[in-house]
């Protein structure tokens, strides 16, 4: 039995691939888990997360392999969208847009994370990309609303 869209997305947030496993897509779920593991290990992301949460942003940036970590936002957001899409319930038109723009903005946030300060504080490669997700989701939702509005207007 498939799980709800919300439950699948929330488990995908916990670990990419879990939502697919809940939706009965075992092979796809295992592929996402392996991708997450490979990217995480080769980028040393967990070590960077530990440094970041302990306030050591400079070491968080030093340990990272950015070339590997650049894959993470797209894999992560796609796994969440895929879990949503195949979860039980209606998939709304253009529901992919917030996920796509979230991935774009987090990727750009990651690229800029060693340079941009908020209130003179360097947030680094964990916290700044996380904050970058918010405008990405907002752009995706707004674009979705605009597209649906003009499609509805054109149809009437």
N, C-alpha and C. Protein backbone atom coordinates (compact mmCIF):
# COMPACT_ATOMS: atom_id res chain seq x y z
N UNK A 1 0.83 -1.18 0.00
CA UNK A 1 0.00 0.00 0.00
C UNK A 1 0.88 1.25 0.00
N UNK A 2 0.53 2.21 -0.84
CA UNK A 2 1.27 3.47 -0.89
C UNK A 2 0.97 4.31 0.34
N UNK A 3 1.91 5.14 0.67
CA UNK A 3 1.75 6.05 1.80
C UNK A 3 1.27 7.41 1.29
N UNK A 4 0.88 8.29 2.19
CA UNK A 4 0.44 9.61 1.78
C UNK A 4 1.61 10.41 1.24
N UNK A 5 1.29 11.42 0.46
CA UNK A 5 2.33 12.29 -0.11
C UNK A 5 3.14 12.96 1.00
N UNK A 6 2.46 13.47 2.01
CA UNK A 6 3.14 14.16 3.10
C UNK A 6 4.12 13.23 3.82
N UNK A 7 3.67 12.04 4.15
CA UNK A 7 4.54 11.09 4.85
C UNK A 7 5.74 10.72 3.99
N UNK A 8 5.51 10.50 2.69
CA UNK A 8 6.61 10.15 1.79
C UNK A 8 7.64 11.28 1.70
N UNK A 9 7.16 12.52 1.60
CA UNK A 9 8.08 13.67 1.52
C UNK A 9 8.85 13.83 2.83
N UNK A 10 8.17 13.71 3.95
CA UNK A 10 8.85 13.87 5.23
C UNK A 10 9.93 12.81 5.44
N UNK A 11 9.66 11.57 5.03
CA UNK A 11 10.69 10.54 5.13
C UNK A 11 11.82 10.79 4.14
N UNK A 12 11.50 11.37 2.99
CA UNK A 12 12.55 11.73 2.03
C UNK A 12 13.43 12.85 2.55
N UNK A 13 12.85 13.75 3.33
CA UNK A 13 13.66 14.79 3.96
C UNK A 13 14.63 14.15 4.94
N UNK A 14 14.16 13.15 5.68
CA UNK A 14 15.03 12.45 6.63
C UNK A 14 16.18 11.76 5.90
N UNK A 15 15.87 11.06 4.82
CA UNK A 15 16.91 10.40 4.02
C UNK A 15 16.34 10.12 2.63
N UNK A 16 16.96 10.70 1.61
CA UNK A 16 16.50 10.43 0.24
C UNK A 16 16.44 8.92 -0.02
N UNK A 17 15.31 8.48 -0.54
CA UNK A 17 15.11 7.06 -0.81
C UNK A 17 14.07 6.43 0.11
N UNK A 18 13.94 6.97 1.32
CA UNK A 18 12.96 6.40 2.25
C UNK A 18 11.53 6.58 1.73
N UNK A 19 11.24 7.71 1.12
CA UNK A 19 9.90 7.93 0.56
C UNK A 19 9.58 6.93 -0.53
N UNK A 20 10.58 6.63 -1.35
CA UNK A 20 10.38 5.65 -2.42
C UNK A 20 10.14 4.25 -1.82
N UNK A 21 10.88 3.91 -0.78
CA UNK A 21 10.66 2.61 -0.13
C UNK A 21 9.24 2.53 0.41
N UNK A 22 8.76 3.60 1.03
CA UNK A 22 7.39 3.61 1.55
C UNK A 22 6.36 3.50 0.44
N UNK A 23 6.69 4.06 -0.73
CA UNK A 23 5.78 3.99 -1.88
C UNK A 23 5.88 2.66 -2.62
N UNK A 24 6.71 1.74 -2.13
CA UNK A 24 6.84 0.43 -2.76
C UNK A 24 7.80 0.40 -3.93
N UNK A 25 8.55 1.46 -4.13
CA UNK A 25 9.53 1.53 -5.22
C UNK A 25 10.91 1.19 -4.65
N UNK A 26 11.11 -0.08 -4.44
CA UNK A 26 12.29 -0.57 -3.70
C UNK A 26 13.59 -0.26 -4.43
N UNK A 27 13.68 -0.59 -5.71
CA UNK A 27 14.93 -0.37 -6.46
C UNK A 27 15.27 1.12 -6.50
N UNK A 28 14.27 1.94 -6.83
CA UNK A 28 14.51 3.38 -6.88
C UNK A 28 14.93 3.91 -5.51
N UNK A 29 14.29 3.44 -4.46
CA UNK A 29 14.65 3.86 -3.11
C UNK A 29 16.07 3.50 -2.76
N UNK A 30 16.48 2.29 -3.11
CA UNK A 30 17.86 1.86 -2.84
C UNK A 30 18.85 2.70 -3.64
N UNK A 31 18.52 3.02 -4.88
CA UNK A 31 19.40 3.87 -5.71
C UNK A 31 19.58 5.24 -5.05
N UNK A 32 18.48 5.84 -4.58
CA UNK A 32 18.58 7.15 -3.92
C UNK A 32 19.41 7.06 -2.64
N UNK A 33 19.23 6.01 -1.87
CA UNK A 33 20.00 5.84 -0.63
C UNK A 33 21.49 5.70 -0.95
N UNK A 34 21.81 4.92 -1.98
CA UNK A 34 23.21 4.76 -2.37
C UNK A 34 23.79 6.08 -2.86
N UNK A 35 23.03 6.81 -3.69
CA UNK A 35 23.51 8.12 -4.16
C UNK A 35 23.74 9.07 -2.99
N UNK A 36 22.81 9.10 -2.06
CA UNK A 36 22.95 9.97 -0.89
C UNK A 36 24.20 9.58 -0.11
N UNK A 37 24.40 8.30 0.10
CA UNK A 37 25.56 7.82 0.84
C UNK A 37 26.87 8.19 0.12
N UNK A 38 26.93 7.94 -1.18
CA UNK A 38 28.16 8.26 -1.94
C UNK A 38 28.47 9.75 -1.91
N UNK A 39 27.47 10.58 -2.19
CA UNK A 39 27.68 12.02 -2.20
C UNK A 39 28.09 12.50 -0.80
N UNK A 40 27.41 11.98 0.20
CA UNK A 40 27.69 12.38 1.58
C UNK A 40 29.11 12.01 1.99
N UNK A 41 29.53 10.80 1.69
CA UNK A 41 30.86 10.33 2.09
C UNK A 41 31.95 11.06 1.31
N UNK A 42 31.80 11.11 -0.02
CA UNK A 42 32.87 11.71 -0.82
C UNK A 42 32.94 13.24 -0.68
N UNK A 43 31.85 13.87 -0.29
CA UNK A 43 31.90 15.32 -0.06
C UNK A 43 32.29 15.65 1.38
N UNK A 44 32.25 14.66 2.25
CA UNK A 44 32.48 14.82 3.69
C UNK A 44 31.45 15.76 4.31
N UNK A 45 30.24 15.63 3.84
CA UNK A 45 29.16 16.52 4.27
C UNK A 45 28.82 16.36 5.75
N UNK A 46 28.78 15.14 6.26
CA UNK A 46 28.45 14.95 7.68
C UNK A 46 29.48 15.63 8.58
N UNK A 47 30.75 15.55 8.21
CA UNK A 47 31.78 16.22 8.99
C UNK A 47 31.57 17.72 8.96
N UNK A 48 31.23 18.25 7.79
CA UNK A 48 30.95 19.68 7.66
C UNK A 48 29.73 20.08 8.49
N UNK A 49 28.72 19.23 8.52
CA UNK A 49 27.53 19.50 9.34
C UNK A 49 27.91 19.56 10.82
N UNK A 50 28.74 18.62 11.25
CA UNK A 50 29.16 18.61 12.66
C UNK A 50 29.92 19.88 13.01
N UNK A 51 30.87 20.28 12.16
CA UNK A 51 31.60 21.53 12.40
C UNK A 51 30.64 22.73 12.42
N UNK A 52 29.71 22.77 11.48
CA UNK A 52 28.78 23.90 11.39
C UNK A 52 27.92 24.02 12.64
N UNK A 53 27.37 22.91 13.10
CA UNK A 53 26.51 22.96 14.27
C UNK A 53 27.28 23.26 15.55
N UNK A 54 28.60 23.10 15.49
CA UNK A 54 29.44 23.47 16.63
C UNK A 54 30.08 24.85 16.44
N UNK A 55 29.63 25.59 15.44
CA UNK A 55 30.07 26.96 15.25
C UNK A 55 31.42 27.13 14.57
N UNK A 56 31.99 26.06 14.04
CA UNK A 56 33.30 26.13 13.38
C UNK A 56 33.11 26.14 11.86
N UNK A 57 32.67 27.29 11.35
CA UNK A 57 32.32 27.41 9.93
C UNK A 57 33.56 27.26 9.04
N UNK A 58 34.69 27.79 9.46
CA UNK A 58 35.90 27.71 8.62
C UNK A 58 36.32 26.26 8.39
N UNK A 59 36.30 25.43 9.44
CA UNK A 59 36.62 24.01 9.24
C UNK A 59 35.52 23.30 8.46
N UNK A 60 34.29 23.74 8.63
CA UNK A 60 33.18 23.15 7.85
C UNK A 60 33.43 23.35 6.36
N UNK A 61 33.96 24.52 5.99
CA UNK A 61 34.26 24.80 4.58
C UNK A 61 35.51 24.04 4.12
N UNK A 62 36.49 23.93 4.99
CA UNK A 62 37.76 23.28 4.62
C UNK A 62 37.59 21.79 4.31
N UNK A 63 36.77 21.09 5.08
CA UNK A 63 36.67 19.64 4.91
C UNK A 63 35.86 19.23 3.69
N UNK A 64 35.01 20.14 3.21
CA UNK A 64 34.08 19.79 2.12
C UNK A 64 34.78 19.61 0.79
N UNK A 65 34.30 18.65 0.04
CA UNK A 65 34.64 18.54 -1.38
C UNK A 65 33.41 19.07 -2.12
N UNK A 66 33.51 20.35 -2.53
CA UNK A 66 32.37 21.02 -3.14
C UNK A 66 31.96 20.36 -4.46
N UNK A 67 32.91 19.79 -5.18
CA UNK A 67 32.56 19.15 -6.46
C UNK A 67 31.60 17.99 -6.24
N UNK A 68 31.77 17.26 -5.15
CA UNK A 68 30.84 16.18 -4.84
C UNK A 68 29.53 16.75 -4.27
N UNK A 69 29.65 17.72 -3.40
CA UNK A 69 28.46 18.23 -2.72
C UNK A 69 27.51 18.95 -3.68
N UNK A 70 28.02 19.45 -4.78
CA UNK A 70 27.16 20.14 -5.75
C UNK A 70 26.05 19.23 -6.29
N UNK A 71 26.24 17.93 -6.24
CA UNK A 71 25.21 16.99 -6.69
C UNK A 71 24.07 16.86 -5.68
N UNK A 72 24.37 17.15 -4.42
CA UNK A 72 23.43 16.84 -3.34
C UNK A 72 22.09 17.56 -3.45
N UNK A 73 22.06 18.89 -3.68
CA UNK A 73 20.74 19.55 -3.70
C UNK A 73 19.78 18.97 -4.75
N UNK A 74 20.28 18.67 -5.93
CA UNK A 74 19.39 18.15 -6.98
C UNK A 74 18.92 16.73 -6.66
N UNK A 75 19.82 15.89 -6.18
CA UNK A 75 19.42 14.52 -5.82
C UNK A 75 18.41 14.57 -4.67
N UNK A 76 18.70 15.40 -3.67
CA UNK A 76 17.85 15.51 -2.49
C UNK A 76 16.45 16.01 -2.86
N UNK A 77 16.39 17.11 -3.62
CA UNK A 77 15.09 17.68 -3.98
C UNK A 77 14.33 16.78 -4.96
N UNK A 78 15.06 16.14 -5.87
CA UNK A 78 14.37 15.24 -6.80
C UNK A 78 13.79 14.03 -6.05
N UNK A 79 14.53 13.51 -5.09
CA UNK A 79 14.02 12.38 -4.31
C UNK A 79 12.75 12.78 -3.56
N UNK A 80 12.72 14.01 -3.04
CA UNK A 80 11.52 14.47 -2.35
C UNK A 80 10.35 14.62 -3.32
N UNK A 81 10.62 15.22 -4.49
CA UNK A 81 9.55 15.37 -5.48
C UNK A 81 9.04 14.00 -5.94
N UNK A 82 9.95 13.10 -6.20
CA UNK A 82 9.55 11.76 -6.66
C UNK A 82 8.69 11.06 -5.60
N UNK A 83 9.08 11.19 -4.34
CA UNK A 83 8.28 10.59 -3.26
C UNK A 83 6.89 11.22 -3.23
N UNK A 84 6.83 12.54 -3.40
CA UNK A 84 5.54 13.24 -3.45
C UNK A 84 4.71 12.76 -4.63
N UNK A 85 5.33 12.73 -5.80
CA UNK A 85 4.61 12.40 -7.04
C UNK A 85 3.96 11.02 -6.98
N UNK A 86 4.66 10.06 -6.41
CA UNK A 86 4.15 8.70 -6.40
C UNK A 86 3.46 8.31 -5.10
N UNK A 87 3.35 9.25 -4.16
CA UNK A 87 2.59 9.00 -2.95
C UNK A 87 1.10 8.96 -3.27
N UNK A 88 0.32 8.46 -2.33
CA UNK A 88 -1.12 8.33 -2.52
C UNK A 88 -1.79 9.69 -2.52
N UNK A 89 -2.63 9.94 -3.48
CA UNK A 89 -3.35 11.20 -3.57
C UNK A 89 -3.07 11.89 -4.90
N UNK A 90 -3.80 12.98 -5.11
CA UNK A 90 -3.70 13.73 -6.37
C UNK A 90 -2.38 14.49 -6.42
N UNK A 91 -1.72 14.41 -7.57
CA UNK A 91 -0.54 15.23 -7.83
C UNK A 91 -1.01 16.48 -8.55
N UNK A 92 -0.80 17.61 -7.94
CA UNK A 92 -1.29 18.88 -8.48
C UNK A 92 -0.45 19.33 -9.68
N UNK A 93 -1.09 20.07 -10.58
CA UNK A 93 -0.40 20.59 -11.76
C UNK A 93 0.80 21.43 -11.33
N UNK A 94 1.90 21.22 -12.00
CA UNK A 94 3.13 21.98 -11.79
C UNK A 94 3.67 21.87 -10.36
N UNK A 95 3.36 20.79 -9.69
CA UNK A 95 3.84 20.59 -8.32
C UNK A 95 5.36 20.47 -8.27
N UNK A 96 5.97 20.17 -9.38
CA UNK A 96 7.42 20.01 -9.41
C UNK A 96 8.17 21.34 -9.27
N UNK A 97 7.52 22.46 -9.59
CA UNK A 97 8.22 23.75 -9.64
C UNK A 97 8.88 24.16 -8.32
N UNK A 98 8.21 24.06 -7.17
CA UNK A 98 8.90 24.42 -5.92
C UNK A 98 10.13 23.53 -5.66
N UNK A 99 10.03 22.26 -5.99
CA UNK A 99 11.17 21.35 -5.80
C UNK A 99 12.34 21.74 -6.70
N UNK A 100 12.03 22.04 -7.96
CA UNK A 100 13.06 22.40 -8.94
C UNK A 100 13.76 23.70 -8.53
N UNK A 101 12.96 24.72 -8.23
CA UNK A 101 13.56 26.00 -7.85
C UNK A 101 14.25 25.91 -6.50
N UNK A 102 13.74 25.06 -5.62
CA UNK A 102 14.45 24.81 -4.36
C UNK A 102 15.83 24.25 -4.62
N UNK A 103 15.93 23.29 -5.53
CA UNK A 103 17.23 22.71 -5.87
C UNK A 103 18.16 23.74 -6.49
N UNK A 104 17.63 24.57 -7.40
CA UNK A 104 18.45 25.62 -8.03
C UNK A 104 19.01 26.56 -6.98
N UNK A 105 18.14 27.07 -6.12
CA UNK A 105 18.56 28.07 -5.15
C UNK A 105 19.52 27.49 -4.12
N UNK A 106 19.31 26.26 -3.69
CA UNK A 106 20.24 25.64 -2.73
C UNK A 106 21.60 25.44 -3.39
N UNK A 107 21.62 25.04 -4.65
CA UNK A 107 22.89 24.87 -5.36
C UNK A 107 23.63 26.19 -5.47
N UNK A 108 22.93 27.24 -5.84
CA UNK A 108 23.56 28.57 -5.91
C UNK A 108 23.99 29.01 -4.51
N UNK A 109 23.16 28.76 -3.52
CA UNK A 109 23.52 29.08 -2.14
C UNK A 109 24.78 28.38 -1.70
N UNK A 110 24.93 27.14 -2.11
CA UNK A 110 26.15 26.39 -1.79
C UNK A 110 27.37 27.04 -2.44
N UNK A 111 27.21 27.45 -3.70
CA UNK A 111 28.33 28.08 -4.41
C UNK A 111 28.74 29.41 -3.76
N UNK A 112 27.78 30.12 -3.22
CA UNK A 112 28.06 31.44 -2.63
C UNK A 112 28.32 31.38 -1.12
N UNK A 113 28.20 30.22 -0.53
CA UNK A 113 28.23 30.10 0.93
C UNK A 113 29.54 30.50 1.58
N UNK A 114 30.63 30.50 0.84
CA UNK A 114 31.91 30.89 1.45
C UNK A 114 32.15 32.40 1.35
N UNK A 115 31.26 33.12 0.68
CA UNK A 115 31.46 34.56 0.45
C UNK A 115 30.42 35.45 1.12
N UNK A 116 29.18 34.98 1.19
CA UNK A 116 28.08 35.84 1.64
C UNK A 116 27.92 35.76 3.16
N UNK A 117 27.81 36.93 3.76
CA UNK A 117 27.56 37.03 5.19
C UNK A 117 26.19 37.65 5.41
N UNK A 118 25.50 37.19 6.43
CA UNK A 118 24.24 37.79 6.85
C UNK A 118 24.49 38.47 8.19
N UNK A 119 24.24 39.76 8.25
CA UNK A 119 24.51 40.54 9.45
C UNK A 119 25.96 40.34 9.93
N UNK A 120 26.86 40.31 8.96
CA UNK A 120 28.30 40.17 9.19
C UNK A 120 28.68 38.80 9.77
N UNK A 121 27.83 37.82 9.57
CA UNK A 121 28.10 36.46 10.04
C UNK A 121 28.17 35.53 8.83
N UNK A 122 29.28 34.81 8.72
CA UNK A 122 29.43 33.82 7.65
C UNK A 122 28.68 32.56 8.07
N UNK A 123 27.64 32.21 7.32
CA UNK A 123 26.81 31.05 7.68
C UNK A 123 27.38 29.74 7.16
N UNK A 124 28.18 29.80 6.11
CA UNK A 124 28.88 28.62 5.63
C UNK A 124 28.06 27.69 4.77
N UNK A 125 28.63 26.50 4.48
CA UNK A 125 28.08 25.59 3.49
C UNK A 125 26.90 24.74 3.94
N UNK A 126 26.49 24.88 5.19
CA UNK A 126 25.31 24.15 5.66
C UNK A 126 24.14 25.11 5.84
N UNK A 127 24.34 26.16 6.61
CA UNK A 127 23.23 27.04 6.96
C UNK A 127 22.83 27.97 5.83
N UNK A 128 23.77 28.53 5.07
CA UNK A 128 23.38 29.44 3.99
C UNK A 128 22.58 28.72 2.90
N UNK A 129 23.01 27.54 2.43
CA UNK A 129 22.16 26.83 1.45
C UNK A 129 20.78 26.46 2.01
N UNK A 130 20.72 26.14 3.31
CA UNK A 130 19.41 25.85 3.90
C UNK A 130 18.51 27.07 3.83
N UNK A 131 19.05 28.24 4.12
CA UNK A 131 18.27 29.48 4.01
C UNK A 131 17.90 29.79 2.56
N UNK A 132 18.77 29.39 1.64
CA UNK A 132 18.52 29.63 0.22
C UNK A 132 17.33 28.83 -0.30
N UNK A 133 16.98 27.78 0.41
CA UNK A 133 15.83 26.97 0.02
C UNK A 133 14.53 27.80 0.07
N UNK A 134 14.42 28.67 1.05
CA UNK A 134 13.17 29.42 1.25
C UNK A 134 12.82 30.29 0.04
N UNK A 135 13.73 31.12 -0.48
CA UNK A 135 13.34 31.87 -1.68
C UNK A 135 13.13 30.97 -2.90
N UNK A 136 13.84 29.85 -2.96
CA UNK A 136 13.63 28.91 -4.07
C UNK A 136 12.23 28.33 -4.06
N UNK A 137 11.78 27.92 -2.88
CA UNK A 137 10.41 27.41 -2.77
C UNK A 137 9.40 28.51 -3.09
N UNK A 138 9.65 29.71 -2.60
CA UNK A 138 8.73 30.83 -2.85
C UNK A 138 8.62 31.12 -4.35
N UNK A 139 9.75 31.16 -5.05
CA UNK A 139 9.73 31.40 -6.50
C UNK A 139 8.98 30.27 -7.21
N UNK A 140 9.24 29.03 -6.81
CA UNK A 140 8.56 27.89 -7.42
C UNK A 140 7.06 27.93 -7.22
N UNK A 141 6.63 28.24 -6.00
CA UNK A 141 5.19 28.32 -5.73
C UNK A 141 4.55 29.48 -6.48
N UNK A 142 5.23 30.64 -6.50
CA UNK A 142 4.67 31.80 -7.22
C UNK A 142 4.57 31.53 -8.71
N UNK A 143 5.60 30.95 -9.28
CA UNK A 143 5.58 30.62 -10.71
C UNK A 143 4.46 29.64 -11.01
N UNK A 144 4.26 28.67 -10.15
CA UNK A 144 3.17 27.70 -10.31
C UNK A 144 1.83 28.41 -10.32
N UNK A 145 1.62 29.32 -9.40
CA UNK A 145 0.37 30.07 -9.31
C UNK A 145 0.14 30.90 -10.58
N UNK A 146 1.19 31.56 -11.04
CA UNK A 146 1.08 32.39 -12.25
C UNK A 146 0.73 31.55 -13.46
N UNK A 147 1.41 30.42 -13.64
CA UNK A 147 1.14 29.55 -14.79
C UNK A 147 -0.29 29.04 -14.75
N UNK A 148 -0.73 28.58 -13.59
CA UNK A 148 -2.09 28.06 -13.46
C UNK A 148 -3.11 29.18 -13.70
N UNK A 149 -2.84 30.37 -13.20
CA UNK A 149 -3.74 31.51 -13.40
C UNK A 149 -3.92 31.79 -14.90
N UNK A 150 -2.80 31.87 -15.64
CA UNK A 150 -2.90 32.19 -17.06
C UNK A 150 -3.50 31.04 -17.87
N UNK A 151 -3.25 29.80 -17.46
CA UNK A 151 -3.89 28.68 -18.13
C UNK A 151 -5.40 28.70 -17.92
N UNK A 152 -5.82 29.00 -16.70
CA UNK A 152 -7.24 29.07 -16.38
C UNK A 152 -7.90 30.23 -17.13
N UNK A 153 -7.23 31.35 -17.18
CA UNK A 153 -7.75 32.54 -17.88
C UNK A 153 -7.87 32.26 -19.38
N UNK A 154 -6.89 31.57 -19.94
CA UNK A 154 -6.89 31.25 -21.38
C UNK A 154 -8.01 30.26 -21.71
N UNK A 155 -8.26 29.31 -20.80
CA UNK A 155 -9.29 28.30 -21.03
C UNK A 155 -10.70 28.86 -20.95
N UNK A 156 -10.86 29.96 -20.23
CA UNK A 156 -12.24 30.49 -20.05
C UNK A 156 -12.60 31.55 -21.09
